[in-house]
Amino acid sequence: MRRFTKLSGIAAGISEENIDTDKIFAGRFLKVIERAGLGRFLFHGLRFDDEGRERADFILNREPWRSAVILIALDNFGCGSSREHAPWSLADFGIKALIAPSFADIFENNCYKNGILPITLPGAVVERLLAEVSDPSSATMTVDLESQEIISGTGERIAFDIAPEKKRQLQLGLDEIDESERLLDQILAFEKSATYVRTPIPPRF
């Protein structure tokens, strides 16, 4: 998993609540199992028409937002099914941070596992940022994980909270498997020294 330390780039806003994982990554594409290239399916129904042509009015099809690395939305982002393809497609497209008033729990955890930083901010602050990033002149912002601070395109500094273990996970670029592998010697030593009590299986009549 890639490390997350400090990110500066274009932020795109979608002023919509309850954006579910099917809208992020439509179920008809779930037959794809490789992560690489999934960015082309991100928000497919919003980005493309039935003929596969880009919809000119969708934010990620317009400059400078087609190069966005930060996505801002409203409440309950990532609700719906638990499909991990949703954060996979966001990451493959280039989105490294998300900002919203709230996220669906499973989706939020899947983001951390895939190197994406989900930031929860008060609704009023999110609305203000959505308005700012709609203007190309203030669409660039910085997210600093070390200081836990966002610097908006207008220069506003906004603090955000993150659990210490999640912060460390992103800074080191480690998922649960990576964490386990770092402790492999200790795990093997424990397994070697552990005493197991076998419970006899009662006879069957």
N, C-alpha and C. Protein backbone atom coordinates (compact mmCIF):
# COMPACT_ATOMS: atom_id res chain seq x y z
N MET A 1 0.85 -1.19 0.00
CA MET A 1 0.00 0.00 0.00
C MET A 1 0.89 1.24 0.00
N ARG A 2 0.52 2.26 -0.78
CA ARG A 2 1.32 3.47 -0.85
C ARG A 2 1.21 4.28 0.44
N ARG A 3 2.28 5.03 0.74
CA ARG A 3 2.27 5.88 1.92
C ARG A 3 1.52 7.17 1.64
N PHE A 4 0.94 7.71 2.71
CA PHE A 4 0.29 9.02 2.62
C PHE A 4 0.94 9.93 3.64
N THR A 5 1.51 11.03 3.17
CA THR A 5 2.13 11.99 4.08
C THR A 5 1.53 13.37 3.88
N LYS A 6 1.78 13.94 2.70
CA LYS A 6 1.26 15.27 2.38
C LYS A 6 0.84 15.29 0.92
N LEU A 7 -0.32 15.87 0.67
CA LEU A 7 -0.91 15.84 -0.67
C LEU A 7 -1.33 17.25 -1.08
N SER A 8 -0.91 17.67 -2.24
CA SER A 8 -1.36 18.95 -2.80
C SER A 8 -1.85 18.71 -4.22
N GLY A 9 -3.00 19.24 -4.54
CA GLY A 9 -3.53 19.06 -5.88
C GLY A 9 -4.95 19.57 -6.02
N ILE A 10 -5.53 19.27 -7.17
CA ILE A 10 -6.88 19.71 -7.49
C ILE A 10 -7.92 18.93 -6.67
N ALA A 11 -8.89 19.66 -6.15
CA ALA A 11 -10.02 19.04 -5.45
C ALA A 11 -11.29 19.25 -6.28
N ALA A 12 -12.05 18.18 -6.44
CA ALA A 12 -13.33 18.24 -7.16
C ALA A 12 -14.46 18.02 -6.17
N GLY A 13 -15.57 18.69 -6.37
CA GLY A 13 -16.70 18.55 -5.48
C GLY A 13 -17.93 17.98 -6.16
N ILE A 14 -18.62 17.09 -5.46
CA ILE A 14 -19.91 16.56 -5.91
C ILE A 14 -20.90 16.86 -4.80
N SER A 15 -21.76 17.83 -5.01
CA SER A 15 -22.71 18.28 -3.98
C SER A 15 -23.91 17.35 -3.92
N GLU A 16 -23.67 16.16 -3.39
CA GLU A 16 -24.72 15.15 -3.34
C GLU A 16 -24.55 14.30 -2.10
N GLU A 17 -25.66 13.96 -1.44
CA GLU A 17 -25.64 13.08 -0.29
C GLU A 17 -25.86 11.63 -0.73
N ASN A 18 -25.48 10.71 0.16
CA ASN A 18 -25.78 9.29 -0.02
C ASN A 18 -25.25 8.74 -1.35
N ILE A 19 -24.07 9.13 -1.74
CA ILE A 19 -23.45 8.55 -2.93
C ILE A 19 -23.01 7.13 -2.56
N ASP A 20 -23.70 6.15 -3.14
CA ASP A 20 -23.43 4.77 -2.73
C ASP A 20 -22.34 4.12 -3.57
N THR A 21 -21.92 2.94 -3.14
CA THR A 21 -20.82 2.25 -3.82
C THR A 21 -21.20 1.81 -5.22
N ASP A 22 -22.50 1.62 -5.48
CA ASP A 22 -22.90 1.25 -6.84
C ASP A 22 -22.75 2.44 -7.79
N LYS A 23 -22.95 3.64 -7.28
CA LYS A 23 -22.74 4.83 -8.11
C LYS A 23 -21.24 5.06 -8.32
N ILE A 24 -20.45 4.76 -7.29
CA ILE A 24 -19.00 4.91 -7.40
C ILE A 24 -18.44 3.86 -8.36
N PHE A 25 -18.88 2.62 -8.17
CA PHE A 25 -18.42 1.52 -9.02
C PHE A 25 -19.60 0.60 -9.27
N ALA A 26 -20.19 0.70 -10.46
CA ALA A 26 -21.42 -0.02 -10.78
C ALA A 26 -21.25 -1.53 -10.71
N GLY A 27 -22.29 -2.20 -10.22
CA GLY A 27 -22.26 -3.64 -10.03
C GLY A 27 -21.98 -4.42 -11.31
N ARG A 28 -22.34 -3.86 -12.46
CA ARG A 28 -22.14 -4.62 -13.71
C ARG A 28 -20.67 -4.80 -14.05
N PHE A 29 -19.79 -4.06 -13.37
CA PHE A 29 -18.35 -4.19 -13.63
C PHE A 29 -17.65 -5.07 -12.60
N LEU A 30 -18.39 -5.69 -11.70
CA LEU A 30 -17.78 -6.45 -10.63
C LEU A 30 -17.05 -7.71 -11.12
N LYS A 31 -17.26 -8.10 -12.35
CA LYS A 31 -16.55 -9.27 -12.87
C LYS A 31 -15.06 -8.97 -13.03
N VAL A 32 -14.69 -7.69 -13.02
CA VAL A 32 -13.29 -7.32 -13.10
C VAL A 32 -12.66 -7.52 -11.73
N ILE A 33 -11.57 -8.29 -11.66
CA ILE A 33 -10.96 -8.61 -10.36
C ILE A 33 -9.59 -7.96 -10.18
N GLU A 34 -9.01 -7.42 -11.23
CA GLU A 34 -7.72 -6.74 -11.12
C GLU A 34 -7.95 -5.29 -10.72
N ARG A 35 -7.14 -4.78 -9.81
CA ARG A 35 -7.28 -3.39 -9.38
C ARG A 35 -6.83 -2.40 -10.45
N ALA A 36 -5.77 -2.77 -11.16
CA ALA A 36 -5.21 -1.86 -12.16
C ALA A 36 -6.25 -1.58 -13.26
N GLY A 37 -6.43 -0.31 -13.57
CA GLY A 37 -7.34 0.08 -14.63
C GLY A 37 -8.77 0.31 -14.20
N LEU A 38 -9.08 0.11 -12.91
CA LEU A 38 -10.46 0.27 -12.46
C LEU A 38 -10.91 1.73 -12.46
N GLY A 39 -9.96 2.66 -12.55
CA GLY A 39 -10.33 4.08 -12.57
C GLY A 39 -11.23 4.44 -13.74
N ARG A 40 -11.14 3.67 -14.81
CA ARG A 40 -11.98 3.98 -15.99
C ARG A 40 -13.45 3.70 -15.72
N PHE A 41 -13.76 2.93 -14.66
CA PHE A 41 -15.15 2.63 -14.31
C PHE A 41 -15.68 3.55 -13.21
N LEU A 42 -14.84 4.41 -12.65
CA LEU A 42 -15.27 5.27 -11.56
C LEU A 42 -16.41 6.19 -12.00
N PHE A 43 -17.50 6.21 -11.24
CA PHE A 43 -18.67 7.04 -11.55
C PHE A 43 -19.08 6.89 -13.03
N HIS A 44 -19.05 5.67 -13.52
CA HIS A 44 -19.24 5.43 -14.95
C HIS A 44 -20.57 5.98 -15.45
N GLY A 45 -21.64 5.76 -14.68
CA GLY A 45 -22.95 6.24 -15.12
C GLY A 45 -23.07 7.75 -15.13
N LEU A 46 -22.22 8.42 -14.37
CA LEU A 46 -22.23 9.88 -14.34
C LEU A 46 -21.25 10.47 -15.36
N ARG A 47 -20.16 9.75 -15.58
CA ARG A 47 -19.11 10.28 -16.47
C ARG A 47 -19.42 10.04 -17.94
N PHE A 48 -20.17 8.97 -18.25
CA PHE A 48 -20.37 8.58 -19.66
C PHE A 48 -21.85 8.36 -19.96
N ASP A 49 -22.22 8.61 -21.22
CA ASP A 49 -23.60 8.33 -21.64
C ASP A 49 -23.70 6.89 -22.11
N ASP A 50 -24.86 6.52 -22.64
CA ASP A 50 -25.08 5.13 -23.06
C ASP A 50 -24.20 4.71 -24.22
N GLU A 51 -23.66 5.68 -24.93
CA GLU A 51 -22.77 5.38 -26.06
C GLU A 51 -21.30 5.39 -25.64
N GLY A 52 -21.06 5.61 -24.34
CA GLY A 52 -19.69 5.62 -23.85
C GLY A 52 -18.98 6.94 -24.03
N ARG A 53 -19.73 7.98 -24.39
CA ARG A 53 -19.13 9.31 -24.57
C ARG A 53 -19.15 10.08 -23.26
N GLU A 54 -18.12 10.88 -23.03
CA GLU A 54 -18.06 11.68 -21.81
C GLU A 54 -19.21 12.67 -21.72
N ARG A 55 -19.77 12.78 -20.53
CA ARG A 55 -20.79 13.80 -20.28
C ARG A 55 -20.05 15.09 -19.92
N ALA A 56 -20.19 16.10 -20.75
CA ALA A 56 -19.43 17.33 -20.58
C ALA A 56 -19.75 18.07 -19.29
N ASP A 57 -20.94 17.81 -18.71
CA ASP A 57 -21.33 18.55 -17.51
C ASP A 57 -20.87 17.90 -16.22
N PHE A 58 -20.27 16.69 -16.29
CA PHE A 58 -19.82 16.03 -15.06
C PHE A 58 -18.46 16.56 -14.67
N ILE A 59 -18.29 16.85 -13.38
CA ILE A 59 -17.12 17.58 -12.89
C ILE A 59 -15.79 16.91 -13.25
N LEU A 60 -15.72 15.58 -13.20
CA LEU A 60 -14.45 14.90 -13.47
C LEU A 60 -14.13 14.80 -14.95
N ASN A 61 -15.02 15.31 -15.79
CA ASN A 61 -14.75 15.38 -17.23
C ASN A 61 -14.35 16.79 -17.65
N ARG A 62 -14.19 17.69 -16.70
CA ARG A 62 -13.88 19.08 -17.01
C ARG A 62 -12.53 19.47 -16.43
N GLU A 63 -11.87 20.39 -17.09
CA GLU A 63 -10.61 20.91 -16.57
C GLU A 63 -10.89 21.98 -15.51
N PRO A 64 -10.09 22.05 -14.46
CA PRO A 64 -8.93 21.21 -14.16
C PRO A 64 -9.28 19.97 -13.34
N TRP A 65 -10.59 19.74 -13.10
CA TRP A 65 -11.01 18.71 -12.15
C TRP A 65 -10.82 17.28 -12.66
N ARG A 66 -10.59 17.09 -13.95
CA ARG A 66 -10.35 15.72 -14.43
C ARG A 66 -9.02 15.19 -13.88
N SER A 67 -8.20 16.08 -13.30
CA SER A 67 -6.93 15.66 -12.68
C SER A 67 -7.03 15.70 -11.16
N ALA A 68 -8.23 15.64 -10.63
CA ALA A 68 -8.43 15.76 -9.18
C ALA A 68 -7.75 14.62 -8.42
N VAL A 69 -7.18 14.97 -7.27
CA VAL A 69 -6.61 13.98 -6.35
C VAL A 69 -7.37 14.00 -5.01
N ILE A 70 -8.27 14.96 -4.86
CA ILE A 70 -9.10 15.09 -3.67
C ILE A 70 -10.55 15.20 -4.12
N LEU A 71 -11.44 14.48 -3.44
CA LEU A 71 -12.86 14.53 -3.78
C LEU A 71 -13.66 14.94 -2.55
N ILE A 72 -14.56 15.91 -2.75
CA ILE A 72 -15.40 16.42 -1.66
C ILE A 72 -16.86 16.10 -1.97
N ALA A 73 -17.57 15.60 -0.99
CA ALA A 73 -18.99 15.26 -1.18
C ALA A 73 -19.74 15.51 0.11
N LEU A 74 -21.03 15.18 0.11
CA LEU A 74 -21.88 15.42 1.28
C LEU A 74 -22.06 14.13 2.10
N ASP A 75 -23.04 14.16 3.00
CA ASP A 75 -23.20 13.09 3.99
C ASP A 75 -23.29 11.68 3.42
N ASN A 76 -22.78 10.73 4.22
CA ASN A 76 -22.98 9.30 3.99
C ASN A 76 -22.35 8.82 2.69
N PHE A 77 -21.18 9.34 2.38
CA PHE A 77 -20.48 8.92 1.17
C PHE A 77 -20.03 7.47 1.32
N GLY A 78 -20.25 6.68 0.27
CA GLY A 78 -19.83 5.28 0.27
C GLY A 78 -20.81 4.33 0.91
N CYS A 79 -22.08 4.74 1.04
CA CYS A 79 -23.09 3.86 1.61
C CYS A 79 -23.42 2.74 0.61
N GLY A 80 -24.27 1.83 1.04
CA GLY A 80 -24.66 0.74 0.14
C GLY A 80 -23.87 -0.52 0.42
N SER A 81 -23.52 -1.25 -0.61
CA SER A 81 -22.82 -2.52 -0.45
C SER A 81 -21.38 -2.28 0.00
N SER A 82 -20.74 -3.36 0.44
CA SER A 82 -19.39 -3.25 0.98
C SER A 82 -18.30 -3.43 -0.06
N ARG A 83 -18.65 -3.41 -1.33
CA ARG A 83 -17.68 -3.75 -2.38
C ARG A 83 -16.41 -2.90 -2.30
N GLU A 84 -15.27 -3.58 -2.25
CA GLU A 84 -13.98 -2.88 -2.15
C GLU A 84 -13.57 -2.29 -3.50
N HIS A 85 -14.27 -2.68 -4.56
CA HIS A 85 -13.98 -2.10 -5.87
C HIS A 85 -14.16 -0.58 -5.87
N ALA A 86 -15.03 -0.07 -4.98
CA ALA A 86 -15.27 1.38 -4.94
C ALA A 86 -13.99 2.15 -4.58
N PRO A 87 -13.34 1.85 -3.44
CA PRO A 87 -12.07 2.54 -3.18
C PRO A 87 -10.97 2.15 -4.16
N TRP A 88 -11.00 0.93 -4.68
CA TRP A 88 -10.01 0.56 -5.70
C TRP A 88 -10.11 1.49 -6.91
N SER A 89 -11.33 1.76 -7.36
CA SER A 89 -11.50 2.60 -8.55
C SER A 89 -11.12 4.04 -8.26
N LEU A 90 -11.44 4.52 -7.05
CA LEU A 90 -11.04 5.88 -6.66
C LEU A 90 -9.53 6.01 -6.67
N ALA A 91 -8.85 5.03 -6.06
CA ALA A 91 -7.39 5.07 -5.99
C ALA A 91 -6.77 4.99 -7.37
N ASP A 92 -7.31 4.13 -8.22
CA ASP A 92 -6.74 3.97 -9.56
C ASP A 92 -6.95 5.23 -10.41
N PHE A 93 -8.05 5.92 -10.18
CA PHE A 93 -8.30 7.19 -10.89
C PHE A 93 -7.31 8.26 -10.46
N GLY A 94 -6.85 8.16 -9.20
CA GLY A 94 -5.90 9.14 -8.68
C GLY A 94 -6.37 9.88 -7.45
N ILE A 95 -7.57 9.52 -6.94
CA ILE A 95 -8.10 10.15 -5.73
C ILE A 95 -7.39 9.57 -4.51
N LYS A 96 -6.75 10.45 -3.73
CA LYS A 96 -5.98 10.02 -2.57
C LYS A 96 -6.59 10.51 -1.26
N ALA A 97 -7.53 11.43 -1.32
CA ALA A 97 -8.19 11.92 -0.10
C ALA A 97 -9.64 12.25 -0.39
N LEU A 98 -10.49 11.99 0.58
CA LEU A 98 -11.92 12.27 0.49
C LEU A 98 -12.32 13.16 1.65
N ILE A 99 -13.23 14.09 1.40
CA ILE A 99 -13.72 14.98 2.45
C ILE A 99 -15.24 14.96 2.41
N ALA A 100 -15.86 14.70 3.55
CA ALA A 100 -17.33 14.66 3.63
C ALA A 100 -17.74 14.81 5.10
N PRO A 101 -19.00 15.14 5.36
CA PRO A 101 -19.46 15.20 6.75
C PRO A 101 -19.53 13.82 7.41
N SER A 102 -19.73 12.78 6.60
CA SER A 102 -19.75 11.42 7.15
C SER A 102 -19.53 10.41 6.02
N PHE A 103 -19.04 9.23 6.42
CA PHE A 103 -18.80 8.13 5.49
C PHE A 103 -19.46 6.87 6.04
N ALA A 104 -19.84 5.98 5.14
CA ALA A 104 -20.32 4.67 5.56
C ALA A 104 -19.14 3.92 6.19
N ASP A 105 -19.40 3.19 7.28
CA ASP A 105 -18.32 2.59 8.07
C ASP A 105 -17.43 1.65 7.28
N ILE A 106 -18.04 0.70 6.57
CA ILE A 106 -17.24 -0.29 5.85
C ILE A 106 -16.44 0.39 4.75
N PHE A 107 -17.06 1.31 4.03
CA PHE A 107 -16.36 2.03 2.98
C PHE A 107 -15.17 2.80 3.56
N GLU A 108 -15.38 3.46 4.69
CA GLU A 108 -14.31 4.24 5.32
C GLU A 108 -13.12 3.34 5.66
N ASN A 109 -13.40 2.18 6.25
CA ASN A 109 -12.32 1.25 6.59
C ASN A 109 -11.61 0.74 5.34
N ASN A 110 -12.37 0.49 4.28
CA ASN A 110 -11.76 0.04 3.03
C ASN A 110 -10.85 1.11 2.44
N CYS A 111 -11.20 2.38 2.65
CA CYS A 111 -10.34 3.46 2.18
C CYS A 111 -8.98 3.40 2.85
N TYR A 112 -8.98 3.27 4.18
CA TYR A 112 -7.72 3.17 4.90
C TYR A 112 -6.88 2.01 4.40
N LYS A 113 -7.53 0.89 4.11
CA LYS A 113 -6.81 -0.30 3.65
C LYS A 113 -6.19 -0.11 2.27
N ASN A 114 -6.65 0.90 1.54
CA ASN A 114 -6.16 1.12 0.19
C ASN A 114 -5.45 2.46 0.01
N GLY A 115 -4.98 3.03 1.12
CA GLY A 115 -4.16 4.22 1.06
C GLY A 115 -4.89 5.51 0.79
N ILE A 116 -6.22 5.52 0.96
CA ILE A 116 -7.02 6.73 0.77
C ILE A 116 -7.36 7.31 2.14
N LEU A 117 -7.18 8.61 2.31
CA LEU A 117 -7.48 9.27 3.58
C LEU A 117 -8.89 9.85 3.54
N PRO A 118 -9.83 9.29 4.32
CA PRO A 118 -11.18 9.88 4.43
C PRO A 118 -11.22 10.88 5.58
N ILE A 119 -11.57 12.11 5.29
CA ILE A 119 -11.58 13.18 6.30
C ILE A 119 -13.02 13.60 6.57
N THR A 120 -13.40 13.55 7.82
CA THR A 120 -14.74 13.98 8.23
C THR A 120 -14.67 15.39 8.79
N LEU A 121 -15.49 16.28 8.23
CA LEU A 121 -15.56 17.67 8.68
C LEU A 121 -17.01 18.07 8.88
N PRO A 122 -17.28 19.09 9.68
CA PRO A 122 -18.66 19.56 9.85
C PRO A 122 -19.29 19.96 8.52
N GLY A 123 -20.59 19.76 8.42
CA GLY A 123 -21.31 20.04 7.18
C GLY A 123 -21.10 21.44 6.65
N ALA A 124 -21.11 22.42 7.54
CA ALA A 124 -20.94 23.81 7.10
C ALA A 124 -19.57 24.04 6.47
N VAL A 125 -18.55 23.40 7.03
CA VAL A 125 -17.20 23.53 6.47
C VAL A 125 -17.12 22.86 5.11
N VAL A 126 -17.73 21.69 4.99
CA VAL A 126 -17.74 20.98 3.70
C VAL A 126 -18.46 21.80 2.64
N GLU A 127 -19.58 22.39 2.99
CA GLU A 127 -20.32 23.23 2.04
C GLU A 127 -19.45 24.40 1.57
N ARG A 128 -18.70 24.98 2.49
CA ARG A 128 -17.83 26.09 2.12
C ARG A 128 -16.72 25.63 1.17
N LEU A 129 -16.15 24.46 1.44
CA LEU A 129 -15.11 23.94 0.56
C LEU A 129 -15.67 23.57 -0.81
N LEU A 130 -16.88 23.05 -0.85
CA LEU A 130 -17.51 22.72 -2.12
C LEU A 130 -17.66 23.98 -2.98
N ALA A 131 -18.03 25.07 -2.35
CA ALA A 131 -18.17 26.32 -3.09
C ALA A 131 -16.82 26.81 -3.59
N GLU A 132 -15.79 26.68 -2.77
CA GLU A 132 -14.46 27.15 -3.16
C GLU A 132 -13.90 26.36 -4.34
N VAL A 133 -14.01 25.02 -4.27
CA VAL A 133 -13.37 24.21 -5.31
C VAL A 133 -14.15 24.24 -6.62
N SER A 134 -15.34 24.80 -6.62
CA SER A 134 -16.08 24.94 -7.88
C SER A 134 -15.46 26.03 -8.76
N ASP A 135 -14.58 26.84 -8.19
CA ASP A 135 -13.86 27.88 -8.92
C ASP A 135 -12.45 27.39 -9.20
N PRO A 136 -12.04 27.29 -10.45
CA PRO A 136 -10.70 26.79 -10.78
C PRO A 136 -9.58 27.53 -10.05
N SER A 137 -9.79 28.81 -9.76
CA SER A 137 -8.74 29.59 -9.11
C SER A 137 -8.52 29.21 -7.65
N SER A 138 -9.47 28.50 -7.05
CA SER A 138 -9.32 28.08 -5.65
C SER A 138 -9.57 26.59 -5.49
N ALA A 139 -9.34 25.84 -6.56
CA ALA A 139 -9.61 24.40 -6.54
C ALA A 139 -8.42 23.58 -6.04
N THR A 140 -7.28 24.20 -5.88
CA THR A 140 -6.09 23.47 -5.40
C THR A 140 -6.00 23.60 -3.89
N MET A 141 -5.82 22.47 -3.23
CA MET A 141 -5.68 22.49 -1.77
C MET A 141 -4.61 21.49 -1.34
N THR A 142 -4.21 21.60 -0.08
CA THR A 142 -3.20 20.72 0.50
C THR A 142 -3.77 19.98 1.69
N VAL A 143 -3.47 18.70 1.78
CA VAL A 143 -3.85 17.88 2.94
C VAL A 143 -2.56 17.38 3.57
N ASP A 144 -2.29 17.80 4.80
CA ASP A 144 -1.07 17.42 5.52
C ASP A 144 -1.46 16.46 6.64
N LEU A 145 -1.10 15.20 6.48
CA LEU A 145 -1.49 14.20 7.47
C LEU A 145 -0.71 14.36 8.76
N GLU A 146 0.55 14.73 8.68
CA GLU A 146 1.36 14.88 9.88
C GLU A 146 0.77 15.93 10.82
N SER A 147 0.43 17.08 10.28
CA SER A 147 -0.14 18.16 11.10
C SER A 147 -1.65 18.06 11.23
N GLN A 148 -2.24 17.10 10.51
CA GLN A 148 -3.70 16.92 10.49
C GLN A 148 -4.40 18.23 10.16
N GLU A 149 -4.04 18.74 8.98
CA GLU A 149 -4.53 20.06 8.58
C GLU A 149 -4.76 20.11 7.08
N ILE A 150 -5.83 20.79 6.71
CA ILE A 150 -6.12 21.08 5.30
C ILE A 150 -5.85 22.57 5.10
N ILE A 151 -5.18 22.88 4.00
CA ILE A 151 -5.01 24.28 3.60
C ILE A 151 -5.80 24.46 2.32
N SER A 152 -6.88 25.21 2.41
CA SER A 152 -7.78 25.36 1.27
C SER A 152 -7.17 26.27 0.21
N GLY A 153 -7.84 26.35 -0.91
CA GLY A 153 -7.38 27.19 -2.01
C GLY A 153 -7.39 28.66 -1.70
N THR A 154 -8.13 29.05 -0.67
CA THR A 154 -8.16 30.46 -0.24
C THR A 154 -7.22 30.72 0.93
N GLY A 155 -6.47 29.68 1.33
CA GLY A 155 -5.51 29.85 2.42
C GLY A 155 -6.04 29.52 3.80
N GLU A 156 -7.30 29.12 3.89
CA GLU A 156 -7.86 28.75 5.19
C GLU A 156 -7.23 27.45 5.69
N ARG A 157 -6.91 27.41 6.97
CA ARG A 157 -6.35 26.21 7.58
C ARG A 157 -7.43 25.52 8.42
N ILE A 158 -7.67 24.24 8.12
CA ILE A 158 -8.76 23.50 8.75
C ILE A 158 -8.18 22.23 9.37
N ALA A 159 -8.32 22.10 10.67
CA ALA A 159 -7.82 20.91 11.37
C ALA A 159 -8.81 19.75 11.21
N PHE A 160 -8.28 18.54 11.19
CA PHE A 160 -9.15 17.36 11.15
C PHE A 160 -8.61 16.29 12.11
N ASP A 161 -9.50 15.42 12.53
CA ASP A 161 -9.15 14.34 13.45
C ASP A 161 -8.95 13.03 12.70
N ILE A 162 -8.08 12.20 13.26
CA ILE A 162 -7.89 10.85 12.74
C ILE A 162 -7.37 9.99 13.88
N ALA A 163 -7.83 8.75 13.94
CA ALA A 163 -7.36 7.84 14.99
C ALA A 163 -5.86 7.60 14.82
N PRO A 164 -5.10 7.59 15.92
CA PRO A 164 -3.64 7.43 15.83
C PRO A 164 -3.20 6.21 15.03
N GLU A 165 -3.91 5.07 15.22
CA GLU A 165 -3.50 3.86 14.51
C GLU A 165 -3.76 3.97 13.01
N LYS A 166 -4.82 4.69 12.62
CA LYS A 166 -5.10 4.90 11.21
C LYS A 166 -4.06 5.85 10.59
N LYS A 167 -3.69 6.86 11.34
CA LYS A 167 -2.68 7.80 10.87
C LYS A 167 -1.36 7.08 10.63
N ARG A 168 -0.96 6.26 11.59
CA ARG A 168 0.29 5.51 11.45
C ARG A 168 0.22 4.55 10.26
N GLN A 169 -0.91 3.89 10.10
CA GLN A 169 -1.10 2.95 9.00
C GLN A 169 -0.88 3.63 7.65
N LEU A 170 -1.45 4.83 7.49
CA LEU A 170 -1.31 5.55 6.23
C LEU A 170 0.11 6.09 6.04
N GLN A 171 0.68 6.61 7.11
CA GLN A 171 2.02 7.18 7.00
C GLN A 171 3.06 6.13 6.62
N LEU A 172 2.89 4.91 7.14
CA LEU A 172 3.84 3.84 6.84
C LEU A 172 3.45 3.04 5.61
N GLY A 173 2.22 3.25 5.12
CA GLY A 173 1.76 2.50 3.96
C GLY A 173 1.53 1.03 4.26
N LEU A 174 0.93 0.75 5.41
CA LEU A 174 0.75 -0.63 5.85
C LEU A 174 -0.73 -0.97 5.96
N ASP A 175 -1.12 -2.12 5.43
CA ASP A 175 -2.45 -2.65 5.69
C ASP A 175 -2.33 -3.74 6.76
N GLU A 176 -3.43 -4.44 7.06
CA GLU A 176 -3.38 -5.44 8.13
C GLU A 176 -2.41 -6.57 7.83
N ILE A 177 -2.33 -6.98 6.57
CA ILE A 177 -1.40 -8.05 6.20
C ILE A 177 0.03 -7.60 6.39
N ASP A 178 0.33 -6.37 5.96
CA ASP A 178 1.68 -5.83 6.15
C ASP A 178 2.03 -5.77 7.64
N GLU A 179 1.08 -5.33 8.45
CA GLU A 179 1.31 -5.25 9.89
C GLU A 179 1.62 -6.64 10.46
N SER A 180 0.88 -7.64 10.02
CA SER A 180 1.11 -9.00 10.49
C SER A 180 2.48 -9.51 10.07
N GLU A 181 2.88 -9.21 8.84
CA GLU A 181 4.19 -9.66 8.34
C GLU A 181 5.34 -9.02 9.11
N ARG A 182 5.15 -7.78 9.57
CA ARG A 182 6.18 -7.12 10.36
C ARG A 182 6.40 -7.81 11.70
N LEU A 183 5.36 -8.52 12.18
CA LEU A 183 5.43 -9.21 13.46
C LEU A 183 5.61 -10.72 13.29
N LEU A 184 6.02 -11.13 12.10
CA LEU A 184 6.07 -12.56 11.80
C LEU A 184 6.98 -13.32 12.75
N ASP A 185 8.16 -12.77 13.07
CA ASP A 185 9.09 -13.46 13.97
C ASP A 185 8.45 -13.68 15.33
N GLN A 186 7.73 -12.66 15.83
CA GLN A 186 7.07 -12.80 17.13
C GLN A 186 5.93 -13.81 17.07
N ILE A 187 5.22 -13.81 15.96
CA ILE A 187 4.11 -14.76 15.79
C ILE A 187 4.65 -16.19 15.77
N LEU A 188 5.71 -16.40 15.02
CA LEU A 188 6.29 -17.75 14.92
C LEU A 188 6.86 -18.20 16.26
N ALA A 189 7.48 -17.26 17.00
CA ALA A 189 8.03 -17.60 18.32
C ALA A 189 6.91 -17.99 19.28
N PHE A 190 5.79 -17.27 19.21
CA PHE A 190 4.66 -17.60 20.06
C PHE A 190 4.10 -18.97 19.71
N GLU A 191 3.96 -19.22 18.42
CA GLU A 191 3.43 -20.51 17.99
C GLU A 191 4.33 -21.65 18.45
N LYS A 192 5.64 -21.40 18.46
CA LYS A 192 6.59 -22.44 18.84
C LYS A 192 6.54 -22.74 20.34
N SER A 193 6.28 -21.68 21.13
CA SER A 193 6.30 -21.85 22.58
C SER A 193 4.92 -22.12 23.18
N ALA A 194 3.89 -21.93 22.42
CA ALA A 194 2.53 -22.06 22.96
C ALA A 194 2.20 -23.50 23.26
N THR A 195 1.44 -23.68 24.33
CA THR A 195 0.96 -25.01 24.71
C THR A 195 -0.53 -25.09 24.40
N TYR A 196 -0.89 -26.07 23.63
CA TYR A 196 -2.29 -26.21 23.24
C TYR A 196 -2.94 -27.36 24.02
N VAL A 197 -4.11 -27.12 24.50
CA VAL A 197 -4.89 -28.14 25.19
C VAL A 197 -5.91 -28.72 24.24
N ARG A 198 -5.79 -29.97 24.00
CA ARG A 198 -6.71 -30.64 23.07
C ARG A 198 -7.92 -31.15 23.85
N THR A 199 -9.07 -30.77 23.44
CA THR A 199 -10.31 -31.24 24.07
C THR A 199 -10.75 -32.52 23.37
N PRO A 200 -10.86 -33.61 24.16
CA PRO A 200 -11.26 -34.88 23.53
C PRO A 200 -12.66 -34.78 22.92
N ILE A 201 -12.81 -35.43 21.81
CA ILE A 201 -14.11 -35.46 21.15
C ILE A 201 -14.94 -36.57 21.76
N PRO A 202 -16.11 -36.25 22.29
CA PRO A 202 -16.93 -37.30 22.92
C PRO A 202 -17.39 -38.32 21.89
N PRO A 203 -17.54 -39.56 22.30
CA PRO A 203 -18.00 -40.59 21.35
C PRO A 203 -19.40 -40.33 20.87
N ARG A 204 -19.67 -40.74 19.67
CA ARG A 204 -21.00 -40.59 19.11
C ARG A 204 -21.74 -41.93 19.23
N PHE A 205 -22.99 -41.86 19.62
CA PHE A 205 -23.79 -43.09 19.81
C PHE A 205 -24.80 -43.21 18.71
